[in-house]
Amino acid sequence: MSTTRKQSCAVCAWRANCAKKFCVTDGGARCPDFSRDVSIKDVEEEPNEETK
């Protein structure tokens, strides 16, 4: 299973000083300036009780 990373303003390296985050209509999902913030670590999801 491949993990797809969602592009979001909340994980963008430029979020503190971005001038576009309120004018991009899709919430930053396809922002050309998006760059993933490497200081935010991925959290692995624990399996649900239903899937065990």
N, C-alpha and C. Protein backbone atom coordinates (compact mmCIF):
# COMPACT_ATOMS: atom_id res chain seq x y z
N MET A 1 0.85 -1.18 0.00
CA MET A 1 0.00 0.00 0.00
C MET A 1 0.89 1.24 0.00
N SER A 2 0.65 2.15 -0.91
CA SER A 2 1.45 3.36 -0.98
C SER A 2 0.77 4.48 -0.19
N THR A 3 1.58 5.27 0.46
CA THR A 3 1.07 6.38 1.24
C THR A 3 1.16 7.64 0.39
N THR A 4 0.04 8.33 0.26
CA THR A 4 0.05 9.59 -0.47
C THR A 4 0.08 10.73 0.53
N ARG A 5 0.98 11.63 0.30
CA ARG A 5 1.09 12.78 1.20
C ARG A 5 0.23 13.90 0.67
N LYS A 6 -0.61 14.41 1.52
CA LYS A 6 -1.47 15.51 1.12
C LYS A 6 -0.69 16.82 1.21
N GLN A 7 -0.89 17.62 0.21
CA GLN A 7 -0.28 18.94 0.19
C GLN A 7 -1.23 19.88 0.90
N SER A 8 -0.78 20.58 1.91
CA SER A 8 -1.64 21.45 2.70
C SER A 8 -0.85 22.61 3.26
N CYS A 9 -1.49 23.75 3.38
CA CYS A 9 -0.82 24.93 3.95
C CYS A 9 -0.28 24.67 5.36
N ALA A 10 -0.94 23.78 6.09
CA ALA A 10 -0.54 23.51 7.46
C ALA A 10 0.83 22.84 7.56
N VAL A 11 1.28 22.18 6.48
CA VAL A 11 2.58 21.50 6.50
C VAL A 11 3.59 22.15 5.56
N CYS A 12 3.29 23.35 5.10
CA CYS A 12 4.18 24.04 4.16
C CYS A 12 5.28 24.78 4.92
N ALA A 13 6.48 24.71 4.39
CA ALA A 13 7.62 25.39 5.02
C ALA A 13 7.45 26.91 5.02
N TRP A 14 6.61 27.41 4.11
CA TRP A 14 6.43 28.87 3.98
C TRP A 14 5.20 29.38 4.71
N ARG A 15 4.54 28.55 5.52
CA ARG A 15 3.25 28.93 6.11
C ARG A 15 3.32 30.17 7.00
N ALA A 16 4.45 30.44 7.61
CA ALA A 16 4.56 31.60 8.51
C ALA A 16 4.56 32.93 7.75
N ASN A 17 5.07 32.91 6.54
CA ASN A 17 5.15 34.17 5.80
C ASN A 17 4.58 34.06 4.38
N CYS A 18 3.57 33.25 4.22
CA CYS A 18 2.95 33.04 2.91
C CYS A 18 1.92 34.13 2.64
N ALA A 19 1.99 34.71 1.46
CA ALA A 19 1.03 35.75 1.07
C ALA A 19 -0.12 35.16 0.27
N LYS A 20 -0.07 33.87 -0.05
CA LYS A 20 -1.08 33.25 -0.90
C LYS A 20 -2.09 32.39 -0.15
N LYS A 21 -1.83 32.04 1.10
CA LYS A 21 -2.66 31.03 1.76
C LYS A 21 -4.13 31.41 1.88
N PHE A 22 -4.46 32.67 1.83
CA PHE A 22 -5.86 33.05 1.92
C PHE A 22 -6.47 33.37 0.56
N CYS A 23 -5.67 33.34 -0.50
CA CYS A 23 -6.23 33.61 -1.82
C CYS A 23 -6.24 32.38 -2.72
N VAL A 24 -5.66 31.28 -2.29
CA VAL A 24 -5.72 30.04 -3.07
C VAL A 24 -7.04 29.37 -2.75
N THR A 25 -7.86 29.18 -3.78
CA THR A 25 -9.24 28.73 -3.54
C THR A 25 -9.35 27.30 -3.04
N ASP A 26 -8.33 26.47 -3.29
CA ASP A 26 -8.42 25.08 -2.86
C ASP A 26 -7.69 24.82 -1.54
N GLY A 27 -7.42 25.87 -0.78
CA GLY A 27 -6.78 25.72 0.52
C GLY A 27 -5.30 25.36 0.43
N GLY A 28 -4.70 25.60 -0.72
CA GLY A 28 -3.28 25.31 -0.88
C GLY A 28 -2.98 23.94 -1.43
N ALA A 29 -4.01 23.19 -1.81
CA ALA A 29 -3.81 21.82 -2.28
C ALA A 29 -2.97 21.74 -3.54
N ARG A 30 -2.97 22.77 -4.36
CA ARG A 30 -2.16 22.77 -5.57
C ARG A 30 -1.33 24.05 -5.68
N CYS A 31 -0.83 24.54 -4.57
CA CYS A 31 -0.03 25.76 -4.57
C CYS A 31 1.32 25.51 -5.23
N PRO A 32 1.71 26.33 -6.21
CA PRO A 32 2.99 26.12 -6.90
C PRO A 32 4.21 26.38 -6.00
N ASP A 33 4.01 27.08 -4.90
CA ASP A 33 5.12 27.39 -3.99
C ASP A 33 5.22 26.43 -2.82
N PHE A 34 4.37 25.40 -2.79
CA PHE A 34 4.37 24.46 -1.67
C PHE A 34 5.70 23.74 -1.54
N SER A 35 6.18 23.68 -0.32
CA SER A 35 7.39 22.93 0.01
C SER A 35 7.17 22.31 1.38
N ARG A 36 7.27 21.00 1.47
CA ARG A 36 6.99 20.31 2.73
C ARG A 36 7.99 20.74 3.81
N ASP A 37 7.48 21.06 5.00
CA ASP A 37 8.31 21.45 6.12
C ASP A 37 8.93 20.19 6.72
N VAL A 38 10.25 20.05 6.62
CA VAL A 38 10.93 18.84 7.10
C VAL A 38 10.96 18.74 8.62
N SER A 39 10.65 19.83 9.31
CA SER A 39 10.62 19.78 10.77
C SER A 39 9.36 19.10 11.30
N ILE A 40 8.35 18.92 10.43
CA ILE A 40 7.13 18.21 10.81
C ILE A 40 7.29 16.75 10.43
N LYS A 41 7.33 15.89 11.41
CA LYS A 41 7.53 14.46 11.18
C LYS A 41 6.21 13.79 10.87
N ASP A 42 6.25 12.77 10.01
CA ASP A 42 5.07 11.97 9.71
C ASP A 42 4.74 11.10 10.90
N VAL A 43 3.46 10.96 11.18
CA VAL A 43 2.99 10.10 12.27
C VAL A 43 2.31 8.91 11.63
N GLU A 44 2.80 7.72 11.97
CA GLU A 44 2.17 6.51 11.44
C GLU A 44 0.88 6.24 12.19
N GLU A 45 -0.16 5.93 11.42
CA GLU A 45 -1.45 5.64 12.02
C GLU A 45 -1.45 4.24 12.60
N GLU A 46 -2.06 4.11 13.78
CA GLU A 46 -2.19 2.80 14.39
C GLU A 46 -3.41 2.12 13.81
N PRO A 47 -3.36 0.81 13.60
CA PRO A 47 -4.52 0.11 13.03
C PRO A 47 -5.73 0.18 13.96
N ASN A 48 -6.89 0.29 13.35
CA ASN A 48 -8.14 0.33 14.12
C ASN A 48 -8.42 -1.03 14.73
N GLU A 49 -9.20 -1.06 15.77
CA GLU A 49 -9.60 -2.32 16.39
C GLU A 49 -10.42 -3.16 15.41
N GLU A 50 -11.15 -2.49 14.50
CA GLU A 50 -12.00 -3.19 13.56
C GLU A 50 -11.19 -3.93 12.51
N THR A 51 -9.99 -3.44 12.18
CA THR A 51 -9.19 -4.04 11.11
C THR A 51 -8.24 -5.11 11.62
N LYS A 52 -8.19 -5.32 12.91
CA LYS A 52 -7.29 -6.34 13.47
C LYS A 52 -7.83 -7.72 13.28
